[in-house]
N, C-alpha and C. Protein backbone atom coordinates (compact mmCIF):
# COMPACT_ATOMS: atom_id res chain seq x y z
N MET A 1 -124.49 88.88 -51.33
CA MET A 1 -123.84 89.28 -52.57
C MET A 1 -124.42 88.54 -53.78
N ILE A 2 -124.67 87.23 -53.63
CA ILE A 2 -125.19 86.43 -54.73
C ILE A 2 -126.55 86.96 -55.19
N LYS A 3 -127.41 87.28 -54.23
CA LYS A 3 -128.75 87.78 -54.57
C LYS A 3 -128.65 89.13 -55.28
N THR A 4 -127.71 89.98 -54.87
CA THR A 4 -127.51 91.28 -55.51
C THR A 4 -127.09 91.10 -56.96
N VAL A 5 -126.15 90.19 -57.19
CA VAL A 5 -125.68 89.91 -58.55
C VAL A 5 -126.83 89.34 -59.39
N GLU A 6 -127.57 88.42 -58.83
CA GLU A 6 -128.70 87.83 -59.54
C GLU A 6 -129.69 88.92 -59.95
N ASN A 7 -130.01 89.83 -59.05
CA ASN A 7 -130.95 90.91 -59.35
C ASN A 7 -130.42 91.82 -60.46
N GLU A 8 -129.11 92.12 -60.43
CA GLU A 8 -128.52 92.94 -61.50
C GLU A 8 -128.62 92.24 -62.85
N ILE A 9 -128.30 90.96 -62.87
CA ILE A 9 -128.33 90.20 -64.13
C ILE A 9 -129.75 90.16 -64.68
N VAL A 10 -130.72 89.90 -63.84
CA VAL A 10 -132.12 89.87 -64.30
C VAL A 10 -132.51 91.24 -64.85
N MET A 11 -132.10 92.30 -64.16
CA MET A 11 -132.41 93.66 -64.63
C MET A 11 -131.78 93.91 -66.00
N TRP A 12 -130.50 93.53 -66.17
CA TRP A 12 -129.82 93.74 -67.46
C TRP A 12 -130.49 92.95 -68.57
N LEU A 13 -130.85 91.71 -68.28
CA LEU A 13 -131.51 90.88 -69.29
C LEU A 13 -132.86 91.47 -69.70
N LYS A 14 -133.59 91.99 -68.73
CA LYS A 14 -134.87 92.63 -69.04
C LYS A 14 -134.67 93.91 -69.83
N GLU A 15 -133.64 94.69 -69.49
CA GLU A 15 -133.34 95.92 -70.25
C GLU A 15 -133.05 95.60 -71.70
N GLU A 16 -132.42 94.47 -71.95
CA GLU A 16 -132.07 94.04 -73.30
C GLU A 16 -133.19 93.23 -73.95
N LYS A 17 -134.32 93.13 -73.27
CA LYS A 17 -135.50 92.42 -73.77
C LYS A 17 -135.21 90.94 -74.08
N LEU A 18 -134.43 90.31 -73.20
CA LEU A 18 -134.09 88.90 -73.37
C LEU A 18 -134.96 87.99 -72.50
N ASN A 19 -135.92 88.54 -71.78
CA ASN A 19 -136.95 87.80 -71.08
C ASN A 19 -136.42 86.59 -70.30
N PRO A 20 -135.67 86.82 -69.22
CA PRO A 20 -135.12 85.69 -68.46
C PRO A 20 -136.21 84.85 -67.80
N GLN A 21 -136.05 83.54 -67.92
CA GLN A 21 -136.98 82.59 -67.31
C GLN A 21 -136.19 81.75 -66.29
N SER A 22 -136.62 81.80 -65.05
CA SER A 22 -135.93 81.03 -64.01
C SER A 22 -136.09 79.54 -64.26
N VAL A 23 -135.01 78.80 -64.08
CA VAL A 23 -135.00 77.35 -64.26
C VAL A 23 -134.58 76.72 -62.93
N GLU A 24 -135.33 75.75 -62.48
CA GLU A 24 -134.99 75.04 -61.24
C GLU A 24 -133.71 74.24 -61.48
N ASP A 25 -132.72 74.46 -60.62
CA ASP A 25 -131.44 73.78 -60.76
C ASP A 25 -130.82 73.61 -59.38
N PRO A 26 -130.79 72.39 -58.84
CA PRO A 26 -130.24 72.18 -57.50
C PRO A 26 -128.74 72.45 -57.41
N ASN A 27 -128.05 72.51 -58.55
CA ASN A 27 -126.61 72.75 -58.56
C ASN A 27 -126.25 74.21 -58.80
N ALA A 28 -127.24 75.09 -58.74
CA ALA A 28 -126.98 76.50 -59.03
C ALA A 28 -127.67 77.39 -58.00
N PHE A 29 -127.00 78.50 -57.67
CA PHE A 29 -127.64 79.51 -56.84
C PHE A 29 -128.79 80.14 -57.63
N PHE A 30 -128.54 80.34 -58.94
CA PHE A 30 -129.60 80.79 -59.84
C PHE A 30 -129.27 80.31 -61.25
N ASN A 31 -130.31 80.15 -62.05
CA ASN A 31 -130.15 79.70 -63.43
C ASN A 31 -131.31 80.29 -64.23
N TYR A 32 -130.97 81.07 -65.26
CA TYR A 32 -131.99 81.69 -66.10
C TYR A 32 -131.77 81.28 -67.54
N GLN A 33 -132.86 80.92 -68.19
CA GLN A 33 -132.81 80.63 -69.62
C GLN A 33 -133.21 81.91 -70.35
N ILE A 34 -132.45 82.23 -71.39
CA ILE A 34 -132.77 83.39 -72.22
C ILE A 34 -132.78 82.97 -73.67
N LYS A 35 -133.50 83.72 -74.47
CA LYS A 35 -133.57 83.44 -75.91
C LYS A 35 -132.96 84.62 -76.65
N VAL A 36 -131.95 84.32 -77.45
CA VAL A 36 -131.30 85.33 -78.28
C VAL A 36 -131.55 84.91 -79.72
N GLY A 37 -132.41 85.64 -80.43
CA GLY A 37 -132.84 85.20 -81.75
C GLY A 37 -133.62 83.91 -81.58
N ASN A 38 -133.15 82.84 -82.22
CA ASN A 38 -133.81 81.53 -82.04
C ASN A 38 -132.92 80.56 -81.25
N LEU A 39 -131.96 81.10 -80.51
CA LEU A 39 -131.06 80.28 -79.71
C LEU A 39 -131.37 80.45 -78.23
N PHE A 40 -131.28 79.36 -77.48
CA PHE A 40 -131.48 79.42 -76.04
C PHE A 40 -130.13 79.31 -75.33
N LEU A 41 -129.93 80.18 -74.35
CA LEU A 41 -128.72 80.18 -73.54
C LEU A 41 -129.13 80.09 -72.08
N SER A 42 -128.19 79.69 -71.25
CA SER A 42 -128.41 79.62 -69.82
C SER A 42 -127.40 80.53 -69.13
N VAL A 43 -127.89 81.35 -68.21
CA VAL A 43 -127.03 82.21 -67.39
C VAL A 43 -127.16 81.67 -65.98
N ASN A 44 -126.04 81.22 -65.39
CA ASN A 44 -126.15 80.57 -64.09
C ASN A 44 -124.95 80.82 -63.20
N GLN A 45 -125.16 80.57 -61.93
CA GLN A 45 -124.06 80.56 -60.98
C GLN A 45 -124.09 79.23 -60.25
N ASN A 46 -123.10 78.43 -60.53
CA ASN A 46 -122.98 77.11 -59.92
C ASN A 46 -122.72 77.24 -58.42
N THR A 47 -123.25 76.32 -57.64
CA THR A 47 -123.06 76.37 -56.19
C THR A 47 -121.61 76.14 -55.77
N MET A 48 -120.78 75.64 -56.69
CA MET A 48 -119.36 75.45 -56.38
C MET A 48 -118.57 76.75 -56.45
N PHE A 49 -119.14 77.79 -57.06
CA PHE A 49 -118.41 79.04 -57.27
C PHE A 49 -119.20 80.21 -56.70
N ASN A 50 -118.72 80.76 -55.60
CA ASN A 50 -119.41 81.87 -54.94
C ASN A 50 -119.07 83.22 -55.54
N ASP A 51 -118.20 83.26 -56.53
CA ASP A 51 -117.68 84.54 -56.98
C ASP A 51 -117.79 84.77 -58.49
N SER A 52 -118.58 83.94 -59.19
CA SER A 52 -118.61 84.08 -60.65
C SER A 52 -119.86 83.47 -61.25
N ILE A 53 -120.15 83.87 -62.49
CA ILE A 53 -121.28 83.33 -63.24
C ILE A 53 -120.76 82.74 -64.54
N THR A 54 -121.62 81.97 -65.20
CA THR A 54 -121.27 81.32 -66.47
C THR A 54 -122.45 81.45 -67.42
N VAL A 55 -122.14 81.59 -68.71
CA VAL A 55 -123.16 81.55 -69.76
C VAL A 55 -122.95 80.23 -70.52
N SER A 56 -124.01 79.47 -70.69
CA SER A 56 -123.91 78.15 -71.32
C SER A 56 -124.88 78.01 -72.47
N CYS A 57 -124.56 77.12 -73.39
CA CYS A 57 -125.50 76.78 -74.46
C CYS A 57 -125.33 75.31 -74.80
N ASN A 58 -126.37 74.74 -75.35
CA ASN A 58 -126.38 73.34 -75.70
C ASN A 58 -126.94 73.20 -77.11
N LEU A 59 -126.12 72.74 -78.03
CA LEU A 59 -126.52 72.55 -79.42
C LEU A 59 -126.80 71.08 -79.66
N LEU A 60 -127.98 70.79 -80.14
CA LEU A 60 -128.30 69.43 -80.60
C LEU A 60 -128.26 69.44 -82.12
N TYR A 61 -127.57 68.48 -82.69
CA TYR A 61 -127.49 68.40 -84.14
C TYR A 61 -128.87 68.17 -84.74
N THR A 62 -129.10 68.75 -85.93
CA THR A 62 -130.36 68.53 -86.64
C THR A 62 -130.37 67.11 -87.19
N ASP A 63 -131.54 66.68 -87.67
CA ASP A 63 -131.64 65.35 -88.27
C ASP A 63 -130.69 65.21 -89.46
N ASP A 64 -130.60 66.26 -90.29
CA ASP A 64 -129.69 66.21 -91.44
C ASP A 64 -128.24 66.11 -91.00
N GLN A 65 -127.86 66.86 -89.98
CA GLN A 65 -126.48 66.80 -89.50
C GLN A 65 -126.17 65.43 -88.91
N LEU A 66 -127.14 64.86 -88.18
CA LEU A 66 -126.94 63.51 -87.64
C LEU A 66 -126.81 62.48 -88.76
N MET A 67 -127.63 62.63 -89.81
CA MET A 67 -127.55 61.70 -90.94
C MET A 67 -126.17 61.80 -91.61
N LEU A 68 -125.67 63.03 -91.74
CA LEU A 68 -124.34 63.23 -92.31
C LEU A 68 -123.28 62.57 -91.44
N LEU A 69 -123.32 62.83 -90.13
CA LEU A 69 -122.32 62.29 -89.21
C LEU A 69 -122.39 60.77 -89.09
N GLU A 70 -123.60 60.24 -89.03
CA GLU A 70 -123.76 58.82 -88.75
C GLU A 70 -123.79 57.93 -89.99
N GLY A 71 -124.12 58.50 -91.15
CA GLY A 71 -124.29 57.62 -92.29
C GLY A 71 -123.54 57.98 -93.54
N LYS A 72 -123.22 59.25 -93.73
CA LYS A 72 -122.64 59.65 -95.00
C LYS A 72 -121.15 59.94 -94.94
N MET A 73 -120.65 60.45 -93.82
CA MET A 73 -119.23 60.77 -93.70
C MET A 73 -118.43 59.51 -93.44
N ASP A 74 -117.25 59.44 -94.05
CA ASP A 74 -116.37 58.32 -93.74
C ASP A 74 -115.70 58.58 -92.39
N ALA A 75 -115.11 57.54 -91.82
CA ALA A 75 -114.55 57.62 -90.46
C ALA A 75 -113.46 58.69 -90.37
N GLY A 76 -112.63 58.80 -91.40
CA GLY A 76 -111.55 59.79 -91.37
C GLY A 76 -112.07 61.22 -91.37
N SER A 77 -113.08 61.49 -92.16
CA SER A 77 -113.66 62.84 -92.21
C SER A 77 -114.40 63.17 -90.91
N LYS A 78 -115.06 62.18 -90.36
CA LYS A 78 -115.76 62.39 -89.09
C LYS A 78 -114.74 62.72 -87.99
N ARG A 79 -113.66 61.98 -87.96
CA ARG A 79 -112.59 62.24 -86.99
C ARG A 79 -112.00 63.63 -87.22
N GLU A 80 -111.81 64.00 -88.48
CA GLU A 80 -111.27 65.32 -88.81
C GLU A 80 -112.21 66.43 -88.32
N TYR A 81 -113.51 66.27 -88.53
CA TYR A 81 -114.49 67.26 -88.06
C TYR A 81 -114.41 67.42 -86.54
N PHE A 82 -114.47 66.31 -85.81
CA PHE A 82 -114.44 66.40 -84.35
C PHE A 82 -113.11 66.95 -83.84
N ASN A 83 -112.01 66.62 -84.51
CA ASN A 83 -110.71 67.19 -84.12
C ASN A 83 -110.66 68.69 -84.36
N LYS A 84 -111.20 69.15 -85.49
CA LYS A 84 -111.26 70.60 -85.75
C LYS A 84 -112.11 71.30 -84.70
N LEU A 85 -113.25 70.70 -84.38
CA LEU A 85 -114.15 71.30 -83.39
C LEU A 85 -113.47 71.38 -82.02
N LYS A 86 -112.83 70.29 -81.60
CA LYS A 86 -112.13 70.28 -80.31
C LYS A 86 -111.02 71.32 -80.29
N THR A 87 -110.28 71.42 -81.38
CA THR A 87 -109.18 72.38 -81.44
C THR A 87 -109.70 73.81 -81.34
N GLU A 88 -110.72 74.13 -82.12
CA GLU A 88 -111.30 75.49 -82.09
C GLU A 88 -111.80 75.83 -80.69
N LEU A 89 -112.49 74.90 -80.05
CA LEU A 89 -113.04 75.17 -78.72
C LEU A 89 -111.95 75.26 -77.66
N THR A 90 -110.95 74.40 -77.77
CA THR A 90 -109.85 74.42 -76.80
C THR A 90 -109.05 75.72 -76.89
N LEU A 91 -108.84 76.22 -78.08
CA LEU A 91 -108.04 77.42 -78.27
C LEU A 91 -108.80 78.72 -78.02
N HIS A 92 -110.12 78.64 -77.95
CA HIS A 92 -110.90 79.87 -77.80
C HIS A 92 -110.75 80.41 -76.37
N PRO A 93 -110.38 81.67 -76.22
CA PRO A 93 -110.11 82.21 -74.88
C PRO A 93 -111.35 82.39 -73.99
N TYR A 94 -112.54 82.37 -74.56
CA TYR A 94 -113.74 82.58 -73.75
C TYR A 94 -114.53 81.31 -73.46
N ILE A 95 -114.03 80.17 -73.92
CA ILE A 95 -114.68 78.89 -73.63
C ILE A 95 -113.94 78.24 -72.46
N TRP A 96 -114.69 77.95 -71.42
CA TRP A 96 -114.11 77.36 -70.22
C TRP A 96 -114.21 75.84 -70.27
N ASN A 97 -115.35 75.35 -70.69
CA ASN A 97 -115.60 73.92 -70.68
C ASN A 97 -116.50 73.57 -71.86
N PHE A 98 -116.30 72.38 -72.40
CA PHE A 98 -117.19 71.90 -73.45
C PHE A 98 -117.29 70.39 -73.38
N HIS A 99 -118.40 69.89 -73.88
CA HIS A 99 -118.61 68.45 -73.96
C HIS A 99 -119.20 68.16 -75.34
N ILE A 100 -118.55 67.27 -76.06
CA ILE A 100 -119.00 66.89 -77.40
C ILE A 100 -119.51 65.46 -77.35
N SER A 101 -120.72 65.27 -77.86
CA SER A 101 -121.27 63.92 -77.95
C SER A 101 -121.68 63.68 -79.40
N ASP A 102 -122.16 62.49 -79.67
CA ASP A 102 -122.64 62.18 -81.02
C ASP A 102 -123.93 62.93 -81.35
N LYS A 103 -124.61 63.45 -80.35
CA LYS A 103 -125.89 64.14 -80.57
C LYS A 103 -125.78 65.66 -80.53
N GLY A 104 -124.68 66.20 -79.99
CA GLY A 104 -124.57 67.65 -79.92
C GLY A 104 -123.35 68.12 -79.16
N VAL A 105 -123.36 69.42 -78.85
CA VAL A 105 -122.23 70.07 -78.19
C VAL A 105 -122.77 70.96 -77.08
N MET A 106 -122.16 70.88 -75.89
CA MET A 106 -122.50 71.74 -74.78
C MET A 106 -121.30 72.66 -74.53
N LEU A 107 -121.56 73.96 -74.42
CA LEU A 107 -120.49 74.94 -74.20
C LEU A 107 -120.74 75.74 -72.94
N ASP A 108 -119.70 75.96 -72.16
CA ASP A 108 -119.74 76.87 -71.02
C ASP A 108 -118.72 77.97 -71.26
N SER A 109 -119.14 79.21 -71.01
CA SER A 109 -118.21 80.32 -71.13
C SER A 109 -117.19 80.27 -70.00
N LYS A 110 -116.12 81.03 -70.16
CA LYS A 110 -115.22 81.18 -69.02
C LYS A 110 -116.03 81.85 -67.91
N ARG A 111 -115.58 81.68 -66.69
CA ARG A 111 -116.29 82.28 -65.56
C ARG A 111 -116.11 83.79 -65.59
N LEU A 112 -117.19 84.48 -65.38
CA LEU A 112 -117.17 85.94 -65.31
C LEU A 112 -117.24 86.30 -63.82
N TYR A 113 -116.10 86.75 -63.30
CA TYR A 113 -115.97 87.00 -61.87
C TYR A 113 -116.68 88.28 -61.47
N TYR A 114 -117.18 88.29 -60.24
CA TYR A 114 -117.89 89.46 -59.72
C TYR A 114 -117.07 90.74 -59.87
N CYS A 115 -115.77 90.66 -59.64
CA CYS A 115 -114.93 91.86 -59.69
C CYS A 115 -114.88 92.46 -61.10
N ASP A 116 -115.17 91.67 -62.12
CA ASP A 116 -115.16 92.13 -63.51
C ASP A 116 -116.57 92.27 -64.09
N LEU A 117 -117.59 92.05 -63.28
CA LEU A 117 -118.96 91.98 -63.78
C LEU A 117 -119.56 93.37 -63.94
N THR A 118 -119.78 93.74 -65.19
CA THR A 118 -120.51 94.96 -65.53
C THR A 118 -121.56 94.55 -66.56
N LYS A 119 -122.47 95.43 -66.85
CA LYS A 119 -123.46 95.10 -67.87
C LYS A 119 -122.76 94.85 -69.20
N ASP A 120 -121.76 95.67 -69.54
CA ASP A 120 -121.05 95.49 -70.81
C ASP A 120 -120.32 94.15 -70.87
N SER A 121 -119.60 93.79 -69.80
CA SER A 121 -118.87 92.52 -69.82
C SER A 121 -119.83 91.34 -69.89
N PHE A 122 -120.95 91.45 -69.19
CA PHE A 122 -121.94 90.38 -69.18
C PHE A 122 -122.59 90.22 -70.56
N MET A 123 -123.06 91.32 -71.14
CA MET A 123 -123.72 91.24 -72.44
C MET A 123 -122.73 90.81 -73.53
N HIS A 124 -121.48 91.22 -73.40
CA HIS A 124 -120.45 90.76 -74.35
C HIS A 124 -120.37 89.23 -74.30
N MET A 125 -120.38 88.66 -73.09
CA MET A 125 -120.29 87.21 -72.96
C MET A 125 -121.54 86.53 -73.54
N VAL A 126 -122.70 87.11 -73.31
CA VAL A 126 -123.94 86.53 -73.86
C VAL A 126 -123.87 86.48 -75.39
N TYR A 127 -123.49 87.59 -76.01
CA TYR A 127 -123.46 87.62 -77.47
C TYR A 127 -122.29 86.80 -78.04
N LEU A 128 -121.19 86.74 -77.32
CA LEU A 128 -120.08 85.90 -77.76
C LEU A 128 -120.50 84.43 -77.75
N MET A 129 -121.23 84.00 -76.73
CA MET A 129 -121.68 82.61 -76.67
C MET A 129 -122.70 82.33 -77.77
N THR A 130 -123.47 83.33 -78.14
CA THR A 130 -124.40 83.17 -79.27
C THR A 130 -123.62 82.90 -80.54
N LYS A 131 -122.54 83.61 -80.73
CA LYS A 131 -121.70 83.37 -81.92
C LYS A 131 -121.00 82.02 -81.84
N MET A 132 -120.53 81.64 -80.65
CA MET A 132 -119.84 80.35 -80.49
C MET A 132 -120.79 79.19 -80.76
N PHE A 133 -122.05 79.39 -80.50
CA PHE A 133 -123.08 78.38 -80.75
C PHE A 133 -123.05 77.94 -82.22
N LYS A 134 -122.68 78.87 -83.09
CA LYS A 134 -122.68 78.59 -84.53
C LYS A 134 -121.44 77.83 -85.00
N LEU A 135 -120.39 77.77 -84.18
CA LEU A 135 -119.14 77.14 -84.61
C LEU A 135 -119.32 75.69 -85.07
N PRO A 136 -119.94 74.81 -84.28
CA PRO A 136 -120.09 73.42 -84.75
C PRO A 136 -120.89 73.33 -86.05
N ILE A 137 -121.87 74.22 -86.20
CA ILE A 137 -122.69 74.22 -87.41
C ILE A 137 -121.85 74.64 -88.61
N ARG A 138 -121.07 75.71 -88.44
CA ARG A 138 -120.23 76.20 -89.53
C ARG A 138 -119.21 75.15 -89.95
N LEU A 139 -118.62 74.46 -88.99
CA LEU A 139 -117.61 73.45 -89.31
C LEU A 139 -118.22 72.23 -90.01
N ILE A 140 -119.40 71.81 -89.59
CA ILE A 140 -119.99 70.61 -90.21
C ILE A 140 -120.54 70.92 -91.60
N ASP A 141 -120.99 72.15 -91.82
CA ASP A 141 -121.53 72.51 -93.14
C ASP A 141 -120.52 72.32 -94.25
N ASP A 142 -119.23 72.43 -93.94
CA ASP A 142 -118.19 72.21 -94.95
C ASP A 142 -118.23 70.80 -95.52
N TYR A 143 -118.75 69.85 -94.77
CA TYR A 143 -118.74 68.45 -95.21
C TYR A 143 -119.98 68.07 -96.02
N PHE A 144 -121.03 68.88 -95.97
CA PHE A 144 -122.25 68.53 -96.72
C PHE A 144 -121.99 68.45 -98.22
N GLN A 145 -121.29 69.42 -98.77
CA GLN A 145 -121.04 69.45 -100.22
C GLN A 145 -120.25 68.22 -100.66
N GLU A 146 -119.30 67.80 -99.85
CA GLU A 146 -118.46 66.66 -100.22
C GLU A 146 -119.20 65.33 -100.11
N PHE A 147 -119.97 65.13 -99.05
CA PHE A 147 -120.58 63.83 -98.79
C PHE A 147 -122.05 63.74 -99.13
N TRP A 148 -122.69 64.90 -99.38
CA TRP A 148 -124.12 64.90 -99.67
C TRP A 148 -124.39 66.05 -100.64
N PRO A 149 -123.88 65.92 -101.88
CA PRO A 149 -123.92 67.04 -102.82
C PRO A 149 -125.32 67.54 -103.18
N ASP A 150 -126.34 66.69 -103.08
CA ASP A 150 -127.69 67.12 -103.45
C ASP A 150 -128.48 67.68 -102.26
N TRP A 151 -127.82 67.80 -101.10
CA TRP A 151 -128.47 68.33 -99.91
C TRP A 151 -128.74 69.82 -100.07
N VAL A 152 -129.93 70.25 -99.65
CA VAL A 152 -130.31 71.66 -99.68
C VAL A 152 -130.69 72.07 -98.26
N ALA A 153 -130.08 73.14 -97.78
CA ALA A 153 -130.34 73.60 -96.42
C ALA A 153 -131.77 74.13 -96.30
N GLU A 154 -132.40 73.79 -95.19
CA GLU A 154 -133.72 74.32 -94.90
C GLU A 154 -133.53 75.75 -94.40
N ASP A 155 -134.26 76.70 -94.98
CA ASP A 155 -134.12 78.09 -94.59
C ASP A 155 -134.94 78.35 -93.33
N LYS A 156 -134.24 78.56 -92.22
CA LYS A 156 -134.92 78.84 -90.95
C LYS A 156 -134.76 80.31 -90.57
N GLY A 157 -134.27 81.10 -91.48
CA GLY A 157 -134.05 82.51 -91.17
C GLY A 157 -132.69 82.70 -90.51
N ASN A 158 -132.08 83.79 -90.78
CA ASN A 158 -130.76 84.08 -90.21
C ASN A 158 -130.91 84.96 -88.98
N ILE A 159 -129.97 84.83 -88.10
CA ILE A 159 -129.90 85.70 -86.93
C ILE A 159 -128.95 86.82 -87.27
N ASP A 160 -129.43 88.06 -87.20
CA ASP A 160 -128.58 89.21 -87.42
C ASP A 160 -128.17 89.77 -86.07
N LEU A 161 -126.97 89.38 -85.61
CA LEU A 161 -126.50 89.80 -84.29
C LEU A 161 -126.32 91.30 -84.20
N GLU A 162 -126.04 91.95 -85.32
CA GLU A 162 -125.87 93.41 -85.29
C GLU A 162 -127.18 94.11 -84.93
N LYS A 163 -128.30 93.57 -85.40
CA LYS A 163 -129.60 94.17 -85.08
C LYS A 163 -129.98 93.98 -83.63
N MET A 164 -129.39 92.95 -82.98
CA MET A 164 -129.73 92.66 -81.59
C MET A 164 -129.02 93.60 -80.62
N LYS A 165 -128.00 94.28 -81.08
CA LYS A 165 -127.21 95.11 -80.16
C LYS A 165 -127.98 96.34 -79.75
């Protein structure tokens, strides 16, 4: 069953031109890295779960964001940012697990069980995790104006999720 699901997922990712790349992972039956716009996501099935898959992403803060967090924000504002981020992630119905560090944020989607696995449900989870990837960035950007008024964002191009559908 696991191999059948893996083959379906690879086929769906290829149909959507997301170019899955297999990643060696001793803790997973399978793990594929995909690129959505300029974001990397992982689609995997952990060896602890024989009946479901997960979509994961890992955000590392940029140098500017780290400078803001580590040097420009006061302790109260930093605490407020991390509390907002934890609250948003905890309340989100599609986030199963998250880990926040001083260097970034790791997100795991809720488990997508085989009984509910269709191409639509799977691709919905992939694109939802792409949007969730932006949450820590959106929340921290609010603090730049207050603590670093002369900061100018580097234009790296926007991801238009509507064009990806």
